[in-house]
Amino acid sequence: MSPCPSTWSATSPAPTGEDADNLVWAREVRRGLDRLAAEQREVLELAYFGGRTQVEIASELGLPLGTVKARMFRGLRRMGHTMGIRRQ
């Protein structure tokens, strides 16, 4: 599952510096996700790429809502640490 398309056609506007920054950020996010435990990655992908709520994820996976929330919290915290993002 790729969060960012990497193809431009001749009729597309030329990529900008912002496009390049977004592509770099998307790659960093993908690397961060790839470093997570499968259970954490699954709930984060369903939420952020699949557009599902925590309640929907819990129902779909047959998990308690608290388990989904904990996996999301721990996954986001670990991604922040591995990507060098610190809360202020």
PDB file of N, CA and C in Angstrom:
ATOM      1  N   MET A   1       0.849  -1.165   0.000  1.00  0.00           N
ATOM      2  CA  MET A   1       0.000   0.000   0.000  1.00  0.00           C
ATOM      3  C   MET A   1       0.896   1.230   0.000  1.00  0.00           C
ATOM      4  N   SER A   2       0.911   1.981  -1.087  1.00  0.00           N
ATOM      5  CA  SER A   2       1.731   3.168  -1.190  1.00  0.00           C
ATOM      6  C   SER A   2       0.892   4.402  -0.946  1.00  0.00           C
ATOM      7  N   PRO A   3       1.267   5.238   0.034  1.00  0.00           N
ATOM      8  CA  PRO A   3       0.464   6.399   0.362  1.00  0.00           C
ATOM      9  C   PRO A   3       0.616   7.552  -0.617  1.00  0.00           C
ATOM     10  N   CYS A   4       1.560   7.468  -1.546  1.00  0.00           N
ATOM     11  CA  CYS A   4       1.828   8.611  -2.400  1.00  0.00           C
ATOM     12  C   CYS A   4       2.181   8.139  -3.805  1.00  0.00           C
ATOM     13  N   PRO A   5       1.420   8.564  -4.832  1.00  0.00           N
ATOM     14  CA  PRO A   5       1.776   8.163  -6.188  1.00  0.00           C
ATOM     15  C   PRO A   5       3.089   8.807  -6.595  1.00  0.00           C
ATOM     16  N   SER A   6       3.854   8.121  -7.419  1.00  0.00           N
ATOM     17  CA  SER A   6       5.155   8.658  -7.807  1.00  0.00           C
ATOM     18  C   SER A   6       5.263   8.842  -9.314  1.00  0.00           C
ATOM     19  N   THR A   7       4.136   8.955 -10.007  1.00  0.00           N
ATOM     20  CA  THR A   7       4.182   9.123 -11.448  1.00  0.00           C
ATOM     21  C   THR A   7       3.573  10.452 -11.852  1.00  0.00           C
ATOM     22  N   TRP A   8       4.221  11.106 -12.788  1.00  0.00           N
ATOM     23  CA  TRP A   8       3.696  12.322 -13.377  1.00  0.00           C
ATOM     24  C   TRP A   8       3.716  12.138 -14.881  1.00  0.00           C
ATOM     25  N   SER A   9       2.700  12.637 -15.567  1.00  0.00           N
ATOM     26  CA  SER A   9       2.674  12.544 -17.026  1.00  0.00           C
ATOM     27  C   SER A   9       3.123  13.881 -17.601  1.00  0.00           C
ATOM     28  N   ALA A  10       3.308  13.905 -18.913  1.00  0.00           N
ATOM     29  CA  ALA A  10       3.736  15.125 -19.588  1.00  0.00           C
ATOM     30  C   ALA A  10       2.700  16.236 -19.442  1.00  0.00           C
ATOM     31  N   THR A  11       1.445  15.868 -19.220  1.00  0.00           N
ATOM     32  CA  THR A  11       0.396  16.872 -19.082  1.00  0.00           C
ATOM     33  C   THR A  11       0.210  17.326 -17.640  1.00  0.00           C
ATOM     34  N   SER A  12       0.868  16.670 -16.712  1.00  0.00           N
ATOM     35  CA  SER A  12       0.790  17.070 -15.309  1.00  0.00           C
ATOM     36  C   SER A  12       1.653  18.297 -15.086  1.00  0.00           C
ATOM     37  N   PRO A  13       1.276  19.130 -14.110  1.00  0.00           N
ATOM     38  CA  PRO A  13       2.172  20.247 -13.785  1.00  0.00           C
ATOM     39  C   PRO A  13       3.507  19.710 -13.289  1.00  0.00           C
ATOM     40  N   ALA A  14       4.547  20.472 -13.500  1.00  0.00           N
ATOM     41  CA  ALA A  14       5.875  20.055 -13.047  1.00  0.00           C
ATOM     42  C   ALA A  14       5.878  19.929 -11.526  1.00  0.00           C
ATOM     43  N   PRO A  15       6.560  18.910 -11.006  1.00  0.00           N
ATOM     44  CA  PRO A  15       6.644  18.765  -9.553  1.00  0.00           C
ATOM     45  C   PRO A  15       7.300  19.995  -8.933  1.00  0.00           C
ATOM     46  N   THR A  16       6.832  20.356  -7.763  1.00  0.00           N
ATOM     47  CA  THR A  16       7.383  21.501  -7.047  1.00  0.00           C
ATOM     48  C   THR A  16       8.247  21.019  -5.894  1.00  0.00           C
ATOM     49  N   GLY A  17       8.892  21.954  -5.230  1.00  0.00           N
ATOM     50  CA  GLY A  17       9.664  21.616  -4.034  1.00  0.00           C
ATOM     51  C   GLY A  17       8.774  21.023  -2.964  1.00  0.00           C
ATOM     52  N   GLU A  18       7.530  21.522  -2.889  1.00  0.00           N
ATOM     53  CA  GLU A  18       6.585  20.973  -1.917  1.00  0.00           C
ATOM     54  C   GLU A  18       6.249  19.521  -2.240  1.00  0.00           C
ATOM     55  N   ASP A  19       6.109  19.203  -3.544  1.00  0.00           N
ATOM     56  CA  ASP A  19       5.860  17.818  -3.944  1.00  0.00           C
ATOM     57  C   ASP A  19       7.012  16.920  -3.504  1.00  0.00           C
ATOM     58  N   ALA A  20       8.225  17.399  -3.674  1.00  0.00           N
ATOM     59  CA  ALA A  20       9.399  16.618  -3.273  1.00  0.00           C
ATOM     60  C   ALA A  20       9.417  16.413  -1.769  1.00  0.00           C
ATOM     61  N   ASP A  21       9.092  17.475  -1.023  1.00  0.00           N
ATOM     62  CA  ASP A  21       9.039  17.352   0.436  1.00  0.00           C
ATOM     63  C   ASP A  21       7.985  16.336   0.854  1.00  0.00           C
ATOM     64  N   ASN A  22       6.828  16.369   0.205  1.00  0.00           N
ATOM     65  CA  ASN A  22       5.754  15.429   0.524  1.00  0.00           C
ATOM     66  C   ASN A  22       6.166  13.999   0.220  1.00  0.00           C
ATOM     67  N   LEU A  23       6.873  13.800  -0.876  1.00  0.00           N
ATOM     68  CA  LEU A  23       7.333  12.459  -1.232  1.00  0.00           C
ATOM     69  C   LEU A  23       8.351  11.948  -0.213  1.00  0.00           C
ATOM     70  N   VAL A  24       9.259  12.803   0.202  1.00  0.00           N
ATOM     71  CA  VAL A  24      10.241  12.413   1.222  1.00  0.00           C
ATOM     72  C   VAL A  24       9.521  12.063   2.518  1.00  0.00           C
ATOM     73  N   TRP A  25       8.557  12.895   2.920  1.00  0.00           N
ATOM     74  CA  TRP A  25       7.808  12.645   4.152  1.00  0.00           C
ATOM     75  C   TRP A  25       7.042  11.330   4.054  1.00  0.00           C
ATOM     76  N   ALA A  26       6.402  11.069   2.905  1.00  0.00           N
ATOM     77  CA  ALA A  26       5.649   9.826   2.720  1.00  0.00           C
ATOM     78  C   ALA A  26       6.567   8.610   2.849  1.00  0.00           C
ATOM     79  N   ARG A  27       7.765   8.713   2.320  1.00  0.00           N
ATOM     80  CA  ARG A  27       8.727   7.601   2.435  1.00  0.00           C
ATOM     81  C   ARG A  27       9.142   7.391   3.887  1.00  0.00           C
ATOM     82  N   GLU A  28       9.345   8.479   4.613  1.00  0.00           N
ATOM     83  CA  GLU A  28       9.709   8.367   6.030  1.00  0.00           C
ATOM     84  C   GLU A  28       8.581   7.728   6.839  1.00  0.00           C
ATOM     85  N   VAL A  29       7.352   8.127   6.554  1.00  0.00           N
ATOM     86  CA  VAL A  29       6.200   7.543   7.245  1.00  0.00           C
ATOM     87  C   VAL A  29       6.122   6.054   6.941  1.00  0.00           C
ATOM     88  N   ARG A  30       6.300   5.679   5.679  1.00  0.00           N
ATOM     89  CA  ARG A  30       6.253   4.259   5.297  1.00  0.00           C
ATOM     90  C   ARG A  30       7.345   3.491   6.031  1.00  0.00           C
ATOM     91  N   ARG A  31       8.554   4.040   6.111  1.00  0.00           N
ATOM     92  CA  ARG A  31       9.636   3.365   6.845  1.00  0.00           C
ATOM     93  C   ARG A  31       9.282   3.223   8.317  1.00  0.00           C
ATOM     94  N   GLY A  32       8.687   4.271   8.889  1.00  0.00           N
ATOM     95  CA  GLY A  32       8.265   4.209  10.292  1.00  0.00           C
ATOM     96  C   GLY A  32       7.229   3.127  10.508  1.00  0.00           C
ATOM     97  N   LEU A  33       6.264   3.030   9.601  1.00  0.00           N
ATOM     98  CA  LEU A  33       5.237   1.985   9.705  1.00  0.00           C
ATOM     99  C   LEU A  33       5.854   0.598   9.577  1.00  0.00           C
ATOM    100  N   ASP A  34       6.804   0.462   8.659  1.00  0.00           N
ATOM    101  CA  ASP A  34       7.433  -0.845   8.435  1.00  0.00           C
ATOM    102  C   ASP A  34       8.199  -1.339   9.662  1.00  0.00           C
ATOM    103  N   ARG A  35       8.593  -0.440  10.544  1.00  0.00           N
ATOM    104  CA  ARG A  35       9.345  -0.822  11.740  1.00  0.00           C
ATOM    105  C   ARG A  35       8.446  -1.240  12.905  1.00  0.00           C
ATOM    106  N   LEU A  36       7.148  -1.049  12.756  1.00  0.00           N
ATOM    107  CA  LEU A  36       6.218  -1.372  13.838  1.00  0.00           C
ATOM    108  C   LEU A  36       5.878  -2.852  13.871  1.00  0.00           C
ATOM    109  N   ALA A  37       5.404  -3.293  15.020  1.00  0.00           N
ATOM    110  CA  ALA A  37       4.832  -4.635  15.129  1.00  0.00           C
ATOM    111  C   ALA A  37       3.620  -4.691  14.202  1.00  0.00           C
ATOM    112  N   ALA A  38       3.352  -5.856  13.650  1.00  0.00           N
ATOM    113  CA  ALA A  38       2.257  -6.010  12.686  1.00  0.00           C
ATOM    114  C   ALA A  38       0.924  -5.524  13.242  1.00  0.00           C
ATOM    115  N   GLU A  39       0.663  -5.771  14.524  1.00  0.00           N
ATOM    116  CA  GLU A  39      -0.612  -5.374  15.128  1.00  0.00           C
ATOM    117  C   GLU A  39      -0.757  -3.857  15.184  1.00  0.00           C
ATOM    118  N   GLN A  40       0.341  -3.160  15.465  1.00  0.00           N
ATOM    119  CA  GLN A  40       0.307  -1.700  15.509  1.00  0.00           C
ATOM    120  C   GLN A  40       0.164  -1.129  14.107  1.00  0.00           C
ATOM    121  N   ARG A  41       0.928  -1.668  13.173  1.00  0.00           N
ATOM    122  CA  ARG A  41       0.870  -1.211  11.781  1.00  0.00           C
ATOM    123  C   ARG A  41      -0.528  -1.397  11.210  1.00  0.00           C
ATOM    124  N   GLU A  42      -1.151  -2.526  11.491  1.00  0.00           N
ATOM    125  CA  GLU A  42      -2.475  -2.830  10.951  1.00  0.00           C
ATOM    126  C   GLU A  42      -3.505  -1.780  11.365  1.00  0.00           C
ATOM    127  N   VAL A  43      -3.577  -1.454  12.651  1.00  0.00           N
ATOM    128  CA  VAL A  43      -4.589  -0.500  13.098  1.00  0.00           C
ATOM    129  C   VAL A  43      -4.296   0.906  12.572  1.00  0.00           C
ATOM    130  N   LEU A  44      -3.027   1.288  12.478  1.00  0.00           N
ATOM    131  CA  LEU A  44      -2.697   2.611  11.960  1.00  0.00           C
ATOM    132  C   LEU A  44      -3.011   2.720  10.472  1.00  0.00           C
ATOM    133  N   GLU A  45      -2.727   1.680   9.706  1.00  0.00           N
ATOM    134  CA  GLU A  45      -3.058   1.710   8.282  1.00  0.00           C
ATOM    135  C   GLU A  45      -4.564   1.755   8.064  1.00  0.00           C
ATOM    136  N   LEU A  46      -5.316   1.003   8.851  1.00  0.00           N
ATOM    137  CA  LEU A  46      -6.774   1.034   8.716  1.00  0.00           C
ATOM    138  C   LEU A  46      -7.320   2.423   9.045  1.00  0.00           C
ATOM    139  N   ALA A  47      -6.742   3.074  10.045  1.00  0.00           N
ATOM    140  CA  ALA A  47      -7.223   4.396  10.457  1.00  0.00           C
ATOM    141  C   ALA A  47      -6.805   5.480   9.464  1.00  0.00           C
ATOM    142  N   TYR A  48      -5.529   5.542   9.141  1.00  0.00           N
ATOM    143  CA  TYR A  48      -5.024   6.668   8.362  1.00  0.00           C
ATOM    144  C   TYR A  48      -5.121   6.469   6.852  1.00  0.00           C
ATOM    145  N   PHE A  49      -4.971   5.257   6.366  1.00  0.00           N
ATOM    146  CA  PHE A  49      -5.080   5.019   4.929  1.00  0.00           C
ATOM    147  C   PHE A  49      -6.454   4.473   4.556  1.00  0.00           C
ATOM    148  N   GLY A  50      -7.106   3.802   5.508  1.00  0.00           N
ATOM    149  CA  GLY A  50      -8.420   3.227   5.251  1.00  0.00           C
ATOM    150  C   GLY A  50      -9.571   4.103   5.700  1.00  0.00           C
ATOM    151  N   GLY A  51      -9.274   5.166   6.441  1.00  0.00           N
ATOM    152  CA  GLY A  51     -10.302   6.099   6.869  1.00  0.00           C
ATOM    153  C   GLY A  51     -11.290   5.547   7.882  1.00  0.00           C
ATOM    154  N   ARG A  52     -10.897   4.506   8.602  1.00  0.00           N
ATOM    155  CA  ARG A  52     -11.811   3.911   9.577  1.00  0.00           C
ATOM    156  C   ARG A  52     -11.630   4.540  10.950  1.00  0.00           C
ATOM    157  N   THR A  53     -12.706   4.549  11.713  1.00  0.00           N
ATOM    158  CA  THR A  53     -12.641   5.020  13.095  1.00  0.00           C
ATOM    159  C   THR A  53     -12.120   3.894  13.973  1.00  0.00           C
ATOM    160  N   GLN A  54     -11.770   4.236  15.205  1.00  0.00           N
ATOM    161  CA  GLN A  54     -11.312   3.212  16.142  1.00  0.00           C
ATOM    162  C   GLN A  54     -12.414   2.203  16.415  1.00  0.00           C
ATOM    163  N   VAL A  55     -13.641   2.656  16.511  1.00  0.00           N
ATOM    164  CA  VAL A  55     -14.771   1.745  16.742  1.00  0.00           C
ATOM    165  C   VAL A  55     -14.922   0.784  15.563  1.00  0.00           C
ATOM    166  N   GLU A  56     -14.801   1.296  14.339  1.00  0.00           N
ATOM    167  CA  GLU A  56     -14.898   0.439  13.153  1.00  0.00           C
ATOM    168  C   GLU A  56     -13.762  -0.577  13.107  1.00  0.00           C
ATOM    169  N   ILE A  57     -12.566  -0.146  13.455  1.00  0.00           N
ATOM    170  CA  ILE A  57     -11.416  -1.053  13.466  1.00  0.00           C
ATOM    171  C   ILE A  57     -11.631  -2.158  14.486  1.00  0.00           C
ATOM    172  N   ALA A  58     -12.080  -1.793  15.671  1.00  0.00           N
ATOM    173  CA  ALA A  58     -12.327  -2.787  16.722  1.00  0.00           C
ATOM    174  C   ALA A  58     -13.349  -3.811  16.248  1.00  0.00           C
ATOM    175  N   SER A  59     -14.405  -3.348  15.630  1.00  0.00           N
ATOM    176  CA  SER A  59     -15.448  -4.254  15.144  1.00  0.00           C
ATOM    177  C   SER A  59     -14.905  -5.156  14.038  1.00  0.00           C
ATOM    178  N   GLU A  60     -14.202  -4.575  13.091  1.00  0.00           N
ATOM    179  CA  GLU A  60     -13.674  -5.325  11.948  1.00  0.00           C
ATOM    180  C   GLU A  60     -12.669  -6.398  12.380  1.00  0.00           C
ATOM    181  N   LEU A  61     -11.839  -6.066  13.355  1.00  0.00           N
ATOM    182  CA  LEU A  61     -10.804  -7.005  13.791  1.00  0.00           C
ATOM    183  C   LEU A  61     -11.245  -7.889  14.958  1.00  0.00           C
ATOM    184  N   GLY A  62     -12.426  -7.620  15.498  1.00  0.00           N
ATOM    185  CA  GLY A  62     -12.916  -8.411  16.622  1.00  0.00           C
ATOM    186  C   GLY A  62     -12.116  -8.175  17.893  1.00  0.00           C
ATOM    187  N   LEU A  63     -11.708  -6.925  18.098  1.00  0.00           N
ATOM    188  CA  LEU A  63     -10.894  -6.569  19.264  1.00  0.00           C
ATOM    189  C   LEU A  63     -11.658  -5.607  20.159  1.00  0.00           C
ATOM    190  N   PRO A  64     -11.331  -5.593  21.450  1.00  0.00           N
ATOM    191  CA  PRO A  64     -11.898  -4.552  22.316  1.00  0.00           C
ATOM    192  C   PRO A  64     -11.399  -3.176  21.864  1.00  0.00           C
ATOM    193  N   LEU A  65     -12.237  -2.163  22.027  1.00  0.00           N
ATOM    194  CA  LEU A  65     -11.866  -0.803  21.642  1.00  0.00           C
ATOM    195  C   LEU A  65     -10.588  -0.359  22.355  1.00  0.00           C
ATOM    196  N   GLY A  66     -10.441  -0.705  23.621  1.00  0.00           N
ATOM    197  CA  GLY A  66      -9.240  -0.336  24.375  1.00  0.00           C
ATOM    198  C   GLY A  66      -7.971  -0.899  23.765  1.00  0.00           C
ATOM    199  N   THR A  67      -8.048  -2.088  23.198  1.00  0.00           N
ATOM    200  CA  THR A  67      -6.885  -2.709  22.556  1.00  0.00           C
ATOM    201  C   THR A  67      -6.495  -1.923  21.307  1.00  0.00           C
ATOM    202  N   VAL A  68      -7.488  -1.519  20.525  1.00  0.00           N
ATOM    203  CA  VAL A  68      -7.222  -0.724  19.319  1.00  0.00           C
ATOM    204  C   VAL A  68      -6.578   0.600  19.720  1.00  0.00           C
ATOM    205  N   LYS A  69      -7.126   1.261  20.730  1.00  0.00           N
ATOM    206  CA  LYS A  69      -6.580   2.541  21.178  1.00  0.00           C
ATOM    207  C   LYS A  69      -5.141   2.385  21.664  1.00  0.00           C
ATOM    208  N   ALA A  70      -4.873   1.344  22.421  1.00  0.00           N
ATOM    209  CA  ALA A  70      -3.522   1.113  22.941  1.00  0.00           C
ATOM    210  C   ALA A  70      -2.541   0.846  21.803  1.00  0.00           C
ATOM    211  N   ARG A  71      -2.941   0.042  20.829  1.00  0.00           N
ATOM    212  CA  ARG A  71      -2.056  -0.258  19.694  1.00  0.00           C
ATOM    213  C   ARG A  71      -1.759   0.998  18.889  1.00  0.00           C
ATOM    214  N   MET A  72      -2.773   1.834  18.704  1.00  0.00           N
ATOM    215  CA  MET A  72      -2.562   3.076  17.968  1.00  0.00           C
ATOM    216  C   MET A  72      -1.629   4.007  18.743  1.00  0.00           C
ATOM    217  N   PHE A  73      -1.868   4.158  20.025  1.00  0.00           N
ATOM    218  CA  PHE A  73      -1.038   5.037  20.847  1.00  0.00           C
ATOM    219  C   PHE A  73       0.416   4.574  20.830  1.00  0.00           C
ATOM    220  N   ARG A  74       0.615   3.297  21.079  1.00  0.00           N
ATOM    221  CA  ARG A  74       1.990   2.768  21.126  1.00  0.00           C
ATOM    222  C   ARG A  74       2.668   2.836  19.769  1.00  0.00           C
ATOM    223  N   GLY A  75       1.910   2.553  18.718  1.00  0.00           N
ATOM    224  CA  GLY A  75       2.473   2.628  17.369  1.00  0.00           C
ATOM    225  C   GLY A  75       2.870   4.043  16.992  1.00  0.00           C
ATOM    226  N   LEU A  76       2.004   5.011  17.273  1.00  0.00           N
ATOM    227  CA  LEU A  76       2.328   6.405  16.969  1.00  0.00           C
ATOM    228  C   LEU A  76       3.509   6.894  17.795  1.00  0.00           C
ATOM    229  N   ARG A  77       3.554   6.490  19.052  1.00  0.00           N
ATOM    230  CA  ARG A  77       4.672   6.888  19.916  1.00  0.00           C
ATOM    231  C   ARG A  77       5.984   6.302  19.382  1.00  0.00           C
ATOM    232  N   ARG A  78       5.954   5.037  18.991  1.00  0.00           N
ATOM    233  CA  ARG A  78       7.181   4.411  18.473  1.00  0.00           C
ATOM    234  C   ARG A  78       7.604   5.049  17.158  1.00  0.00           C
ATOM    235  N   MET A  79       6.632   5.325  16.279  1.00  0.00           N
ATOM    236  CA  MET A  79       6.971   5.996  15.018  1.00  0.00           C
ATOM    237  C   MET A  79       7.612   7.354  15.290  1.00  0.00           C
ATOM    238  N   GLY A  80       7.064   8.091  16.238  1.00  0.00           N
ATOM    239  CA  GLY A  80       7.633   9.389  16.576  1.00  0.00           C
ATOM    240  C   GLY A  80       9.068   9.282  17.035  1.00  0.00           C
ATOM    241  N   HIS A  81       9.342   8.278  17.863  1.00  0.00           N
ATOM    242  CA  HIS A  81      10.718   8.077  18.350  1.00  0.00           C
ATOM    243  C   HIS A  81      11.641   7.682  17.198  1.00  0.00           C
ATOM    244  N   THR A  82      11.212   6.751  16.353  1.00  0.00           N
ATOM    245  CA  THR A  82      12.098   6.283  15.276  1.00  0.00           C
ATOM    246  C   THR A  82      12.292   7.340  14.195  1.00  0.00           C
ATOM    247  N   MET A  83      11.314   8.241  14.059  1.00  0.00           N
ATOM    248  CA  MET A  83      11.424   9.303  13.040  1.00  0.00           C
ATOM    249  C   MET A  83      12.024  10.579  13.617  1.00  0.00           C
ATOM    250  N   GLY A  84      12.344  10.574  14.916  1.00  0.00           N
ATOM    251  CA  GLY A  84      12.968  11.718  15.540  1.00  0.00           C
ATOM    252  C   GLY A  84      12.026  12.869  15.826  1.00  0.00           C
ATOM    253  N   ILE A  85      10.735  12.566  15.988  1.00  0.00           N
ATOM    254  CA  ILE A  85       9.742  13.594  16.283  1.00  0.00           C
ATOM    255  C   ILE A  85       9.521  13.613  17.786  1.00  0.00           C
ATOM    256  N   ARG A  86       9.651  14.773  18.367  1.00  0.00           N
ATOM    257  CA  ARG A  86       9.472  14.923  19.821  1.00  0.00           C
ATOM    258  C   ARG A  86       8.270  15.813  20.102  1.00  0.00           C
ATOM    259  N   ARG A  87       7.483  15.414  21.087  1.00  0.00           N
ATOM    260  CA  ARG A  87       6.342  16.239  21.502  1.00  0.00           C
ATOM    261  C   ARG A  87       6.856  17.454  22.248  1.00  0.00           C
ATOM    262  N   GLN A  88       6.157  18.560  22.054  1.00  0.00           N
ATOM    263  CA  GLN A  88       6.576  19.798  22.740  1.00  0.00           C
ATOM    264  C   GLN A  88       5.537  20.186  23.748  1.00  0.00           C
TER     265      GLN A  88
END
